Amino acid sequence: MGLITNFYEATAMVLFGIGFVTLLLQKNLIKKIIGLNIMDSAIFLYLTTTGYITGRSAPIVIDGVVYAGAYVNPLPSALVMTGIVVAVSITAFALALSLKLYEHYGTLDMDKIALMSRGGKG
């Protein structure tokens, strides 16, 4: 019964696990960046679902404040919006660095890049 009532939280945990395993086990930098983005999305989903309260309305005051308990807390939404902007920026920067690494080493395999950076042959 708990899985049905906490469906979004369980989905966020599964997505985070998928992203974490992808980040740890893949050698390709692009796949690692995708894993990081999956983890980001899982965190955003979790924050969004925990910030929503059934029966409350958006904190947009038109005719005066009824009472504070009638509104949803806007802080989780603001955190998610800020996190999305930061995640997109970090993804763009990581992809730009990956492009430069590929131009320099000719591969995106982390093991080969580490070997070549120490002076070995790839």
PDB file of N, CA and C in Angstrom:
ATOM      1  N   MET A   1       0.820  -1.200   0.000  1.00  0.00           N
ATOM      2  CA  MET A   1       0.000   0.000   0.000  1.00  0.00           C
ATOM      3  C   MET A   1       0.860   1.259   0.000  1.00  0.00           C
ATOM      4  N   GLY A   2       2.023   1.217   0.675  1.00  0.00           N
ATOM      5  CA  GLY A   2       2.892   2.374   0.750  1.00  0.00           C
ATOM      6  C   GLY A   2       3.481   2.747  -0.601  1.00  0.00           C
ATOM      7  N   LEU A   3       3.736   1.737  -1.448  1.00  0.00           N
ATOM      8  CA  LEU A   3       4.288   2.015  -2.770  1.00  0.00           C
ATOM      9  C   LEU A   3       3.276   2.723  -3.649  1.00  0.00           C
ATOM     10  N   ILE A   4       2.006   2.387  -3.485  1.00  0.00           N
ATOM     11  CA  ILE A   4       0.961   3.026  -4.291  1.00  0.00           C
ATOM     12  C   ILE A   4       0.752   4.473  -3.840  1.00  0.00           C
ATOM     13  N   THR A   5       0.771   4.699  -2.547  1.00  0.00           N
ATOM     14  CA  THR A   5       0.550   6.063  -2.062  1.00  0.00           C
ATOM     15  C   THR A   5       1.780   6.950  -2.262  1.00  0.00           C
ATOM     16  N   ASN A   6       2.959   6.363  -2.301  1.00  0.00           N
ATOM     17  CA  ASN A   6       4.190   7.121  -2.502  1.00  0.00           C
ATOM     18  C   ASN A   6       4.810   6.792  -3.860  1.00  0.00           C
ATOM     19  N   PHE A   7       3.988   6.766  -4.876  1.00  0.00           N
ATOM     20  CA  PHE A   7       4.442   6.367  -6.209  1.00  0.00           C
ATOM     21  C   PHE A   7       5.523   7.293  -6.740  1.00  0.00           C
ATOM     22  N   TYR A   8       5.344   8.588  -6.601  1.00  0.00           N
ATOM     23  CA  TYR A   8       6.312   9.535  -7.144  1.00  0.00           C
ATOM     24  C   TYR A   8       7.641   9.488  -6.392  1.00  0.00           C
ATOM     25  N   GLU A   9       7.574   9.313  -5.071  1.00  0.00           N
ATOM     26  CA  GLU A   9       8.807   9.198  -4.308  1.00  0.00           C
ATOM     27  C   GLU A   9       9.559   7.928  -4.677  1.00  0.00           C
ATOM     28  N   ALA A  10       8.829   6.822  -4.840  1.00  0.00           N
ATOM     29  CA  ALA A  10       9.465   5.564  -5.244  1.00  0.00           C
ATOM     30  C   ALA A  10      10.062   5.681  -6.637  1.00  0.00           C
ATOM     31  N   THR A  11       9.367   6.359  -7.542  1.00  0.00           N
ATOM     32  CA  THR A  11       9.896   6.574  -8.882  1.00  0.00           C
ATOM     33  C   THR A  11      11.157   7.416  -8.835  1.00  0.00           C
ATOM     34  N   ALA A  12      11.173   8.428  -7.989  1.00  0.00           N
ATOM     35  CA  ALA A  12      12.368   9.262  -7.850  1.00  0.00           C
ATOM     36  C   ALA A  12      13.543   8.443  -7.327  1.00  0.00           C
ATOM     37  N   MET A  13      13.299   7.545  -6.394  1.00  0.00           N
ATOM     38  CA  MET A  13      14.378   6.706  -5.873  1.00  0.00           C
ATOM     39  C   MET A  13      14.917   5.760  -6.937  1.00  0.00           C
ATOM     40  N   VAL A  14      14.025   5.166  -7.718  1.00  0.00           N
ATOM     41  CA  VAL A  14      14.452   4.266  -8.791  1.00  0.00           C
ATOM     42  C   VAL A  14      15.260   5.035  -9.836  1.00  0.00           C
ATOM     43  N   LEU A  15      14.779   6.208 -10.222  1.00  0.00           N
ATOM     44  CA  LEU A  15      15.514   7.025 -11.187  1.00  0.00           C
ATOM     45  C   LEU A  15      16.888   7.428 -10.647  1.00  0.00           C
ATOM     46  N   PHE A  16      16.950   7.795  -9.383  1.00  0.00           N
ATOM     47  CA  PHE A  16      18.234   8.156  -8.792  1.00  0.00           C
ATOM     48  C   PHE A  16      19.185   6.966  -8.815  1.00  0.00           C
ATOM     49  N   GLY A  17      18.669   5.790  -8.500  1.00  0.00           N
ATOM     50  CA  GLY A  17      19.497   4.576  -8.535  1.00  0.00           C
ATOM     51  C   GLY A  17      20.011   4.276  -9.928  1.00  0.00           C
ATOM     52  N   ILE A  18      19.144   4.422 -10.935  1.00  0.00           N
ATOM     53  CA  ILE A  18      19.564   4.198 -12.320  1.00  0.00           C
ATOM     54  C   ILE A  18      20.663   5.184 -12.708  1.00  0.00           C
ATOM     55  N   GLY A  19      20.470   6.445 -12.371  1.00  0.00           N
ATOM     56  CA  GLY A  19      21.479   7.455 -12.689  1.00  0.00           C
ATOM     57  C   GLY A  19      22.787   7.210 -11.957  1.00  0.00           C
ATOM     58  N   PHE A  20      22.716   6.798 -10.695  1.00  0.00           N
ATOM     59  CA  PHE A  20      23.918   6.552  -9.910  1.00  0.00           C
ATOM     60  C   PHE A  20      24.709   5.375 -10.452  1.00  0.00           C
ATOM     61  N   VAL A  21      24.009   4.301 -10.796  1.00  0.00           N
ATOM     62  CA  VAL A  21      24.677   3.133 -11.364  1.00  0.00           C
ATOM     63  C   VAL A  21      25.294   3.483 -12.717  1.00  0.00           C
ATOM     64  N   THR A  22      24.583   4.255 -13.520  1.00  0.00           N
ATOM     65  CA  THR A  22      25.124   4.692 -14.808  1.00  0.00           C
ATOM     66  C   THR A  22      26.371   5.543 -14.597  1.00  0.00           C
ATOM     67  N   LEU A  23      26.331   6.432 -13.646  1.00  0.00           N
ATOM     68  CA  LEU A  23      27.476   7.299 -13.367  1.00  0.00           C
ATOM     69  C   LEU A  23      28.688   6.495 -12.912  1.00  0.00           C
ATOM     70  N   LEU A  24      28.475   5.446 -12.133  1.00  0.00           N
ATOM     71  CA  LEU A  24      29.586   4.666 -11.607  1.00  0.00           C
ATOM     72  C   LEU A  24      30.139   3.645 -12.595  1.00  0.00           C
ATOM     73  N   LEU A  25      29.285   2.991 -13.356  1.00  0.00           N
ATOM     74  CA  LEU A  25      29.725   1.848 -14.142  1.00  0.00           C
ATOM     75  C   LEU A  25      30.106   2.152 -15.584  1.00  0.00           C
ATOM     76  N   GLN A  26      29.657   3.239 -16.138  1.00  0.00           N
ATOM     77  CA  GLN A  26      29.975   3.552 -17.532  1.00  0.00           C
ATOM     78  C   GLN A  26      31.348   4.206 -17.637  1.00  0.00           C
ATOM     79  N   LYS A  27      32.058   3.898 -18.710  1.00  0.00           N
ATOM     80  CA  LYS A  27      33.367   4.497 -18.942  1.00  0.00           C
ATOM     81  C   LYS A  27      33.272   5.694 -19.883  1.00  0.00           C
ATOM     82  N   ASN A  28      32.230   5.764 -20.676  1.00  0.00           N
ATOM     83  CA  ASN A  28      32.047   6.845 -21.645  1.00  0.00           C
ATOM     84  C   ASN A  28      31.575   8.109 -20.921  1.00  0.00           C
ATOM     85  N   LEU A  29      32.223   9.230 -21.212  1.00  0.00           N
ATOM     86  CA  LEU A  29      31.888  10.480 -20.535  1.00  0.00           C
ATOM     87  C   LEU A  29      30.468  10.953 -20.831  1.00  0.00           C
ATOM     88  N   ILE A  30      30.007  10.782 -22.052  1.00  0.00           N
ATOM     89  CA  ILE A  30      28.645  11.207 -22.403  1.00  0.00           C
ATOM     90  C   ILE A  30      27.621  10.411 -21.597  1.00  0.00           C
ATOM     91  N   LYS A  31      27.854   9.123 -21.439  1.00  0.00           N
ATOM     92  CA  LYS A  31      26.940   8.297 -20.637  1.00  0.00           C
ATOM     93  C   LYS A  31      26.973   8.706 -19.167  1.00  0.00           C
ATOM     94  N   LYS A  32      28.145   9.110 -18.683  1.00  0.00           N
ATOM     95  CA  LYS A  32      28.229   9.597 -17.303  1.00  0.00           C
ATOM     96  C   LYS A  32      27.434  10.894 -17.132  1.00  0.00           C
ATOM     97  N   ILE A  33      27.497  11.764 -18.124  1.00  0.00           N
ATOM     98  CA  ILE A  33      26.729  13.014 -18.061  1.00  0.00           C
ATOM     99  C   ILE A  33      25.239  12.718 -18.092  1.00  0.00           C
ATOM    100  N   ILE A  34      24.830  11.748 -18.903  1.00  0.00           N
ATOM    101  CA  ILE A  34      23.415  11.355 -18.940  1.00  0.00           C
ATOM    102  C   ILE A  34      22.992  10.796 -17.578  1.00  0.00           C
ATOM    103  N   GLY A  35      23.837   9.986 -16.952  1.00  0.00           N
ATOM    104  CA  GLY A  35      23.538   9.465 -15.617  1.00  0.00           C
ATOM    105  C   GLY A  35      23.381  10.572 -14.592  1.00  0.00           C
ATOM    106  N   LEU A  36      24.240  11.579 -14.681  1.00  0.00           N
ATOM    107  CA  LEU A  36      24.130  12.728 -13.783  1.00  0.00           C
ATOM    108  C   LEU A  36      22.815  13.476 -13.999  1.00  0.00           C
ATOM    109  N   ASN A  37      22.396  13.616 -15.260  1.00  0.00           N
ATOM    110  CA  ASN A  37      21.120  14.276 -15.551  1.00  0.00           C
ATOM    111  C   ASN A  37      19.926  13.473 -15.044  1.00  0.00           C
ATOM    112  N   ILE A  38      20.012  12.152 -15.106  1.00  0.00           N
ATOM    113  CA  ILE A  38      18.933  11.315 -14.563  1.00  0.00           C
ATOM    114  C   ILE A  38      18.847  11.504 -13.052  1.00  0.00           C
ATOM    115  N   MET A  39      19.997  11.584 -12.387  1.00  0.00           N
ATOM    116  CA  MET A  39      19.996  11.828 -10.943  1.00  0.00           C
ATOM    117  C   MET A  39      19.407  13.195 -10.610  1.00  0.00           C
ATOM    118  N   ASP A  40      19.764  14.208 -11.398  1.00  0.00           N
ATOM    119  CA  ASP A  40      19.186  15.540 -11.196  1.00  0.00           C
ATOM    120  C   ASP A  40      17.665  15.504 -11.321  1.00  0.00           C
ATOM    121  N   SER A  41      17.187  14.843 -12.350  1.00  0.00           N
ATOM    122  CA  SER A  41      15.740  14.772 -12.576  1.00  0.00           C
ATOM    123  C   SER A  41      15.038  14.053 -11.426  1.00  0.00           C
ATOM    124  N   ALA A  42      15.672  13.025 -10.898  1.00  0.00           N
ATOM    125  CA  ALA A  42      15.085  12.313  -9.759  1.00  0.00           C
ATOM    126  C   ALA A  42      14.972  13.220  -8.539  1.00  0.00           C
ATOM    127  N   ILE A  43      15.986  14.009  -8.289  1.00  0.00           N
ATOM    128  CA  ILE A  43      15.943  14.937  -7.154  1.00  0.00           C
ATOM    129  C   ILE A  43      14.863  15.990  -7.364  1.00  0.00           C
ATOM    130  N   PHE A  44      14.743  16.500  -8.581  1.00  0.00           N
ATOM    131  CA  PHE A  44      13.705  17.502  -8.872  1.00  0.00           C
ATOM    132  C   PHE A  44      12.311  16.904  -8.693  1.00  0.00           C
ATOM    133  N   LEU A  45      12.124  15.659  -9.145  1.00  0.00           N
ATOM    134  CA  LEU A  45      10.837  14.991  -8.967  1.00  0.00           C
ATOM    135  C   LEU A  45      10.521  14.826  -7.483  1.00  0.00           C
ATOM    136  N   TYR A  46      11.514  14.420  -6.713  1.00  0.00           N
ATOM    137  CA  TYR A  46      11.295  14.226  -5.278  1.00  0.00           C
ATOM    138  C   TYR A  46      10.945  15.546  -4.577  1.00  0.00           C
ATOM    139  N   LEU A  47      11.696  16.607  -4.876  1.00  0.00           N
ATOM    140  CA  LEU A  47      11.401  17.892  -4.247  1.00  0.00           C
ATOM    141  C   LEU A  47      10.023  18.414  -4.642  1.00  0.00           C
ATOM    142  N   THR A  48       9.652  18.214  -5.892  1.00  0.00           N
ATOM    143  CA  THR A  48       8.343  18.675  -6.354  1.00  0.00           C
ATOM    144  C   THR A  48       7.209  17.925  -5.666  1.00  0.00           C
ATOM    145  N   THR A  49       7.359  16.611  -5.535  1.00  0.00           N
ATOM    146  CA  THR A  49       6.282  15.832  -4.914  1.00  0.00           C
ATOM    147  C   THR A  49       6.189  16.069  -3.417  1.00  0.00           C
ATOM    148  N   THR A  50       7.320  16.299  -2.764  1.00  0.00           N
ATOM    149  CA  THR A  50       7.233  16.553  -1.317  1.00  0.00           C
ATOM    150  C   THR A  50       6.728  17.964  -1.021  1.00  0.00           C
ATOM    151  N   GLY A  51       6.873  18.881  -1.955  1.00  0.00           N
ATOM    152  CA  GLY A  51       6.407  20.248  -1.750  1.00  0.00           C
ATOM    153  C   GLY A  51       4.929  20.435  -2.007  1.00  0.00           C
ATOM    154  N   TYR A  52       4.291  19.467  -2.695  1.00  0.00           N
ATOM    155  CA  TYR A  52       2.868  19.595  -3.012  1.00  0.00           C
ATOM    156  C   TYR A  52       2.035  19.034  -1.871  1.00  0.00           C
ATOM    157  N   ILE A  53       0.990  19.760  -1.499  1.00  0.00           N
ATOM    158  CA  ILE A  53       0.070  19.314  -0.452  1.00  0.00           C
ATOM    159  C   ILE A  53      -1.331  19.331  -1.034  1.00  0.00           C
ATOM    160  N   THR A  54      -1.989  18.191  -1.018  1.00  0.00           N
ATOM    161  CA  THR A  54      -3.333  18.066  -1.580  1.00  0.00           C
ATOM    162  C   THR A  54      -4.319  18.956  -0.843  1.00  0.00           C
ATOM    163  N   GLY A  55      -5.129  19.664  -1.602  1.00  0.00           N
ATOM    164  CA  GLY A  55      -6.167  20.505  -1.024  1.00  0.00           C
ATOM    165  C   GLY A  55      -5.759  21.944  -0.808  1.00  0.00           C
ATOM    166  N   ARG A  56      -4.508  22.259  -1.037  1.00  0.00           N
ATOM    167  CA  ARG A  56      -4.055  23.643  -0.877  1.00  0.00           C
ATOM    168  C   ARG A  56      -3.871  24.281  -2.243  1.00  0.00           C
ATOM    169  N   SER A  57      -3.944  25.584  -2.269  1.00  0.00           N
ATOM    170  CA  SER A  57      -3.841  26.291  -3.548  1.00  0.00           C
ATOM    171  C   SER A  57      -2.487  26.971  -3.683  1.00  0.00           C
ATOM    172  N   ALA A  58      -2.228  27.437  -4.888  1.00  0.00           N
ATOM    173  CA  ALA A  58      -0.982  28.152  -5.147  1.00  0.00           C
ATOM    174  C   ALA A  58      -0.947  29.448  -4.348  1.00  0.00           C
ATOM    175  N   PRO A  59       0.234  29.872  -3.907  1.00  0.00           N
ATOM    176  CA  PRO A  59       0.331  31.073  -3.069  1.00  0.00           C
ATOM    177  C   PRO A  59       0.239  32.368  -3.882  1.00  0.00           C
ATOM    178  N   ILE A  60      -0.871  32.510  -4.573  1.00  0.00           N
ATOM    179  CA  ILE A  60      -1.138  33.730  -5.328  1.00  0.00           C
ATOM    180  C   ILE A  60      -2.289  34.434  -4.627  1.00  0.00           C
ATOM    181  N   VAL A  61      -2.012  35.559  -4.014  1.00  0.00           N
ATOM    182  CA  VAL A  61      -3.003  36.266  -3.209  1.00  0.00           C
ATOM    183  C   VAL A  61      -3.725  37.276  -4.091  1.00  0.00           C
ATOM    184  N   ILE A  62      -5.048  37.143  -4.177  1.00  0.00           N
ATOM    185  CA  ILE A  62      -5.859  38.060  -4.987  1.00  0.00           C
ATOM    186  C   ILE A  62      -6.733  38.938  -4.084  1.00  0.00           C
ATOM    187  N   ASP A  63      -7.491  38.312  -3.207  1.00  0.00           N
ATOM    188  CA  ASP A  63      -8.435  39.046  -2.356  1.00  0.00           C
ATOM    189  C   ASP A  63      -7.996  39.072  -0.895  1.00  0.00           C
ATOM    190  N   GLY A  64      -6.719  39.036  -0.648  1.00  0.00           N
ATOM    191  CA  GLY A  64      -6.229  39.032   0.733  1.00  0.00           C
ATOM    192  C   GLY A  64      -5.939  37.608   1.182  1.00  0.00           C
ATOM    193  N   VAL A  65      -5.106  37.496   2.172  1.00  0.00           N
ATOM    194  CA  VAL A  65      -4.709  36.193   2.688  1.00  0.00           C
ATOM    195  C   VAL A  65      -5.834  35.605   3.515  1.00  0.00           C
ATOM    196  N   VAL A  66      -6.252  34.399   3.166  1.00  0.00           N
ATOM    197  CA  VAL A  66      -7.262  33.695   3.957  1.00  0.00           C
ATOM    198  C   VAL A  66      -6.610  33.266   5.274  1.00  0.00           C
ATOM    199  N   TYR A  67      -5.645  32.389   5.199  1.00  0.00           N
ATOM    200  CA  TYR A  67      -4.735  32.044   6.288  1.00  0.00           C
ATOM    201  C   TYR A  67      -3.597  31.241   5.658  1.00  0.00           C
ATOM    202  N   ALA A  68      -2.465  31.200   6.301  1.00  0.00           N
ATOM    203  CA  ALA A  68      -1.256  30.631   5.693  1.00  0.00           C
ATOM    204  C   ALA A  68      -1.400  29.145   5.388  1.00  0.00           C
ATOM    205  N   GLY A  69      -2.238  28.447   6.130  1.00  0.00           N
ATOM    206  CA  GLY A  69      -2.429  27.019   5.913  1.00  0.00           C
ATOM    207  C   GLY A  69      -3.195  26.683   4.646  1.00  0.00           C
ATOM    208  N   ALA A  70      -3.758  27.677   3.982  1.00  0.00           N
ATOM    209  CA  ALA A  70      -4.519  27.421   2.759  1.00  0.00           C
ATOM    210  C   ALA A  70      -3.632  27.342   1.523  1.00  0.00           C
ATOM    211  N   TYR A  71      -2.353  27.667   1.660  1.00  0.00           N
ATOM    212  CA  TYR A  71      -1.464  27.742   0.504  1.00  0.00           C
ATOM    213  C   TYR A  71      -0.346  26.710   0.576  1.00  0.00           C
ATOM    214  N   VAL A  72       0.143  26.347  -0.595  1.00  0.00           N
ATOM    215  CA  VAL A  72       1.289  25.451  -0.702  1.00  0.00           C
ATOM    216  C   VAL A  72       2.555  26.284  -0.516  1.00  0.00           C
ATOM    217  N   ASN A  73       3.562  25.705   0.116  1.00  0.00           N
ATOM    218  CA  ASN A  73       4.832  26.389   0.318  1.00  0.00           C
ATOM    219  C   ASN A  73       5.533  26.573  -1.039  1.00  0.00           C
ATOM    220  N   PRO A  74       5.871  27.793  -1.426  1.00  0.00           N
ATOM    221  CA  PRO A  74       6.499  28.010  -2.735  1.00  0.00           C
ATOM    222  C   PRO A  74       8.001  27.721  -2.758  1.00  0.00           C
ATOM    223  N   LEU A  75       8.620  27.477  -1.614  1.00  0.00           N
ATOM    224  CA  LEU A  75      10.061  27.279  -1.560  1.00  0.00           C
ATOM    225  C   LEU A  75      10.547  26.058  -2.344  1.00  0.00           C
ATOM    226  N   PRO A  76       9.899  24.880  -2.253  1.00  0.00           N
ATOM    227  CA  PRO A  76      10.371  23.753  -3.060  1.00  0.00           C
ATOM    228  C   PRO A  76      10.320  24.029  -4.566  1.00  0.00           C
ATOM    229  N   SER A  77       9.306  24.732  -5.013  1.00  0.00           N
ATOM    230  CA  SER A  77       9.221  25.067  -6.436  1.00  0.00           C
ATOM    231  C   SER A  77      10.353  25.996  -6.847  1.00  0.00           C
ATOM    232  N   ALA A  78      10.667  26.952  -5.999  1.00  0.00           N
ATOM    233  CA  ALA A  78      11.768  27.868  -6.298  1.00  0.00           C
ATOM    234  C   ALA A  78      13.105  27.124  -6.312  1.00  0.00           C
ATOM    235  N   LEU A  79      13.282  26.182  -5.390  1.00  0.00           N
ATOM    236  CA  LEU A  79      14.508  25.387  -5.376  1.00  0.00           C
ATOM    237  C   LEU A  79      14.634  24.533  -6.630  1.00  0.00           C
ATOM    238  N   VAL A  80      13.539  23.945  -7.067  1.00  0.00           N
ATOM    239  CA  VAL A  80      13.567  23.121  -8.277  1.00  0.00           C
ATOM    240  C   VAL A  80      13.893  23.966  -9.493  1.00  0.00           C
ATOM    241  N   MET A  81      13.291  25.138  -9.601  1.00  0.00           N
ATOM    242  CA  MET A  81      13.577  26.014 -10.740  1.00  0.00           C
ATOM    243  C   MET A  81      15.047  26.423 -10.749  1.00  0.00           C
ATOM    244  N   THR A  82      15.595  26.771  -9.599  1.00  0.00           N
ATOM    245  CA  THR A  82      17.005  27.125  -9.511  1.00  0.00           C
ATOM    246  C   THR A  82      17.888  25.925  -9.845  1.00  0.00           C
ATOM    247  N   GLY A  83      17.510  24.769  -9.350  1.00  0.00           N
ATOM    248  CA  GLY A  83      18.270  23.552  -9.632  1.00  0.00           C
ATOM    249  C   GLY A  83      18.277  23.190 -11.100  1.00  0.00           C
ATOM    250  N   ILE A  84      17.160  23.397 -11.785  1.00  0.00           N
ATOM    251  CA  ILE A  84      17.098  23.105 -13.218  1.00  0.00           C
ATOM    252  C   ILE A  84      18.050  24.012 -13.985  1.00  0.00           C
ATOM    253  N   VAL A  85      18.079  25.278 -13.625  1.00  0.00           N
ATOM    254  CA  VAL A  85      18.981  26.214 -14.301  1.00  0.00           C
ATOM    255  C   VAL A  85      20.439  25.814 -14.072  1.00  0.00           C
ATOM    256  N   VAL A  86      20.780  25.469 -12.835  1.00  0.00           N
ATOM    257  CA  VAL A  86      22.143  25.052 -12.525  1.00  0.00           C
ATOM    258  C   VAL A  86      22.490  23.750 -13.242  1.00  0.00           C
ATOM    259  N   ALA A  87      21.554  22.803 -13.284  1.00  0.00           N
ATOM    260  CA  ALA A  87      21.802  21.517 -13.946  1.00  0.00           C
ATOM    261  C   ALA A  87      22.038  21.691 -15.441  1.00  0.00           C
ATOM    262  N   VAL A  88      21.267  22.550 -16.077  1.00  0.00           N
ATOM    263  CA  VAL A  88      21.462  22.788 -17.510  1.00  0.00           C
ATOM    264  C   VAL A  88      22.826  23.437 -17.751  1.00  0.00           C
ATOM    265  N   SER A  89      23.212  24.361 -16.901  1.00  0.00           N
ATOM    266  CA  SER A  89      24.514  25.019 -17.042  1.00  0.00           C
ATOM    267  C   SER A  89      25.666  24.031 -16.858  1.00  0.00           C
ATOM    268  N   ILE A  90      25.566  23.196 -15.857  1.00  0.00           N
ATOM    269  CA  ILE A  90      26.618  22.207 -15.606  1.00  0.00           C
ATOM    270  C   ILE A  90      26.682  21.189 -16.736  1.00  0.00           C
ATOM    271  N   THR A  91      25.533  20.796 -17.267  1.00  0.00           N
ATOM    272  CA  THR A  91      25.513  19.864 -18.393  1.00  0.00           C
ATOM    273  C   THR A  91      26.183  20.468 -19.619  1.00  0.00           C
ATOM    274  N   ALA A  92      25.892  21.720 -19.908  1.00  0.00           N
ATOM    275  CA  ALA A  92      26.525  22.386 -21.048  1.00  0.00           C
ATOM    276  C   ALA A  92      28.033  22.471 -20.856  1.00  0.00           C
ATOM    277  N   PHE A  93      28.469  22.806 -19.650  1.00  0.00           N
ATOM    278  CA  PHE A  93      29.896  22.900 -19.369  1.00  0.00           C
ATOM    279  C   PHE A  93      30.570  21.526 -19.472  1.00  0.00           C
ATOM    280  N   ALA A  94      29.928  20.489 -18.944  1.00  0.00           N
ATOM    281  CA  ALA A  94      30.492  19.139 -19.006  1.00  0.00           C
ATOM    282  C   ALA A  94      30.581  18.642 -20.448  1.00  0.00           C
ATOM    283  N   LEU A  95      29.579  18.954 -21.259  1.00  0.00           N
ATOM    284  CA  LEU A  95      29.628  18.557 -22.666  1.00  0.00           C
ATOM    285  C   LEU A  95      30.723  19.313 -23.414  1.00  0.00           C
ATOM    286  N   ALA A  96      30.924  20.572 -23.096  1.00  0.00           N
ATOM    287  CA  ALA A  96      32.008  21.337 -23.723  1.00  0.00           C
ATOM    288  C   ALA A  96      33.370  20.759 -23.332  1.00  0.00           C
ATOM    289  N   LEU A  97      33.542  20.396 -22.067  1.00  0.00           N
ATOM    290  CA  LEU A  97      34.791  19.768 -21.642  1.00  0.00           C
ATOM    291  C   LEU A  97      34.987  18.411 -22.307  1.00  0.00           C
ATOM    292  N   SER A  98      33.910  17.654 -22.461  1.00  0.00           N
ATOM    293  CA  SER A  98      33.992  16.355 -23.136  1.00  0.00           C
ATOM    294  C   SER A  98      34.420  16.528 -24.585  1.00  0.00           C
ATOM    295  N   LEU A  99      33.908  17.544 -25.236  1.00  0.00           N
ATOM    296  CA  LEU A  99      34.294  17.824 -26.619  1.00  0.00           C
ATOM    297  C   LEU A  99      35.785  18.143 -26.706  1.00  0.00           C
ATOM    298  N   LYS A 100      36.288  18.950 -25.788  1.00  0.00           N
ATOM    299  CA  LYS A 100      37.714  19.280 -25.776  1.00  0.00           C
ATOM    300  C   LYS A 100      38.567  18.043 -25.478  1.00  0.00           C
ATOM    301  N   LEU A 101      38.119  17.192 -24.565  1.00  0.00           N
ATOM    302  CA  LEU A 101      38.841  15.954 -24.287  1.00  0.00           C
ATOM    303  C   LEU A 101      38.867  15.050 -25.517  1.00  0.00           C
ATOM    304  N   TYR A 102      37.753  14.973 -26.225  1.00  0.00           N
ATOM    305  CA  TYR A 102      37.703  14.148 -27.429  1.00  0.00           C
ATOM    306  C   TYR A 102      38.631  14.700 -28.512  1.00  0.00           C
ATOM    307  N   GLU A 103      38.673  16.020 -28.647  1.00  0.00           N
ATOM    308  CA  GLU A 103      39.572  16.621 -29.628  1.00  0.00           C
ATOM    309  C   GLU A 103      41.034  16.359 -29.274  1.00  0.00           C
ATOM    310  N   HIS A 104      41.360  16.334 -28.000  1.00  0.00           N
ATOM    311  CA  HIS A 104      42.748  16.151 -27.580  1.00  0.00           C
ATOM    312  C   HIS A 104      43.170  14.682 -27.582  1.00  0.00           C
ATOM    313  N   TYR A 105      42.318  13.789 -27.047  1.00  0.00           N
ATOM    314  CA  TYR A 105      42.692  12.391 -26.892  1.00  0.00           C
ATOM    315  C   TYR A 105      42.083  11.473 -27.954  1.00  0.00           C
ATOM    316  N   GLY A 106      41.046  11.896 -28.641  1.00  0.00           N
ATOM    317  CA  GLY A 106      40.423  11.069 -29.666  1.00  0.00           C
ATOM    318  C   GLY A 106      39.499   9.995 -29.132  1.00  0.00           C
ATOM    319  N   THR A 107      39.171  10.054 -27.863  1.00  0.00           N
ATOM    320  CA  THR A 107      38.266   9.078 -27.259  1.00  0.00           C
ATOM    321  C   THR A 107      37.537   9.728 -26.089  1.00  0.00           C
ATOM    322  N   LEU A 108      36.428   9.107 -25.700  1.00  0.00           N
ATOM    323  CA  LEU A 108      35.696   9.549 -24.515  1.00  0.00           C
ATOM    324  C   LEU A 108      35.729   8.497 -23.407  1.00  0.00           C
ATOM    325  N   ASP A 109      36.536   7.449 -23.596  1.00  0.00           N
ATOM    326  CA  ASP A 109      36.681   6.384 -22.610  1.00  0.00           C
ATOM    327  C   ASP A 109      37.586   6.883 -21.476  1.00  0.00           C
ATOM    328  N   MET A 110      37.070   6.869 -20.261  1.00  0.00           N
ATOM    329  CA  MET A 110      37.805   7.409 -19.117  1.00  0.00           C
ATOM    330  C   MET A 110      39.115   6.666 -18.859  1.00  0.00           C
ATOM    331  N   ASP A 111      39.113   5.339 -19.018  1.00  0.00           N
ATOM    332  CA  ASP A 111      40.330   4.564 -18.775  1.00  0.00           C
ATOM    333  C   ASP A 111      41.418   4.925 -19.780  1.00  0.00           C
ATOM    334  N   LYS A 112      41.031   5.054 -21.049  1.00  0.00           N
ATOM    335  CA  LYS A 112      42.010   5.400 -22.079  1.00  0.00           C
ATOM    336  C   LYS A 112      42.532   6.826 -21.885  1.00  0.00           C
ATOM    337  N   ILE A 113      41.669   7.735 -21.507  1.00  0.00           N
ATOM    338  CA  ILE A 113      42.101   9.116 -21.265  1.00  0.00           C
ATOM    339  C   ILE A 113      43.076   9.163 -20.087  1.00  0.00           C
ATOM    340  N   ALA A 114      42.790   8.421 -19.019  1.00  0.00           N
ATOM    341  CA  ALA A 114      43.687   8.397 -17.857  1.00  0.00           C
ATOM    342  C   ALA A 114      45.028   7.789 -18.228  1.00  0.00           C
ATOM    343  N   LEU A 115      45.022   6.736 -19.038  1.00  0.00           N
ATOM    344  CA  LEU A 115      46.265   6.102 -19.460  1.00  0.00           C
ATOM    345  C   LEU A 115      47.086   7.040 -20.344  1.00  0.00           C
ATOM    346  N   MET A 116      46.411   7.715 -21.297  1.00  0.00           N
ATOM    347  CA  MET A 116      47.131   8.622 -22.188  1.00  0.00           C
ATOM    348  C   MET A 116      47.640   9.860 -21.458  1.00  0.00           C
ATOM    349  N   SER A 117      46.920  10.315 -20.448  1.00  0.00           N
ATOM    350  CA  SER A 117      47.362  11.497 -19.720  1.00  0.00           C
ATOM    351  C   SER A 117      48.601  11.222 -18.886  1.00  0.00           C
ATOM    352  N   ARG A 118      48.841   9.934 -18.529  1.00  0.00           N
ATOM    353  CA  ARG A 118      50.034   9.559 -17.794  1.00  0.00           C
ATOM    354  C   ARG A 118      51.212   9.223 -18.703  1.00  0.00           C
ATOM    355  N   GLY A 119      50.998   9.349 -20.011  1.00  0.00           N
ATOM    356  CA  GLY A 119      52.089   9.100 -20.952  1.00  0.00           C
ATOM    357  C   GLY A 119      52.045   7.740 -21.601  1.00  0.00           C
ATOM    358  N   GLY A 120      51.049   6.927 -21.304  1.00  0.00           N
ATOM    359  CA  GLY A 120      50.929   5.609 -21.925  1.00  0.00           C
ATOM    360  C   GLY A 120      50.294   5.711 -23.290  1.00  0.00           C
ATOM    361  N   LYS A 121      50.255   4.589 -23.985  1.00  0.00           N
ATOM    362  CA  LYS A 121      49.623   4.562 -25.316  1.00  0.00           C
ATOM    363  C   LYS A 121      48.211   4.034 -25.183  1.00  0.00           C
ATOM    364  N   GLY A 122      47.297   4.643 -25.928  1.00  0.00           N
ATOM    365  CA  GLY A 122      45.896   4.252 -25.870  1.00  0.00           C
ATOM    366  C   GLY A 122      45.612   3.245 -26.852  1.00  0.00           C
TER     367      GLY A 122
END
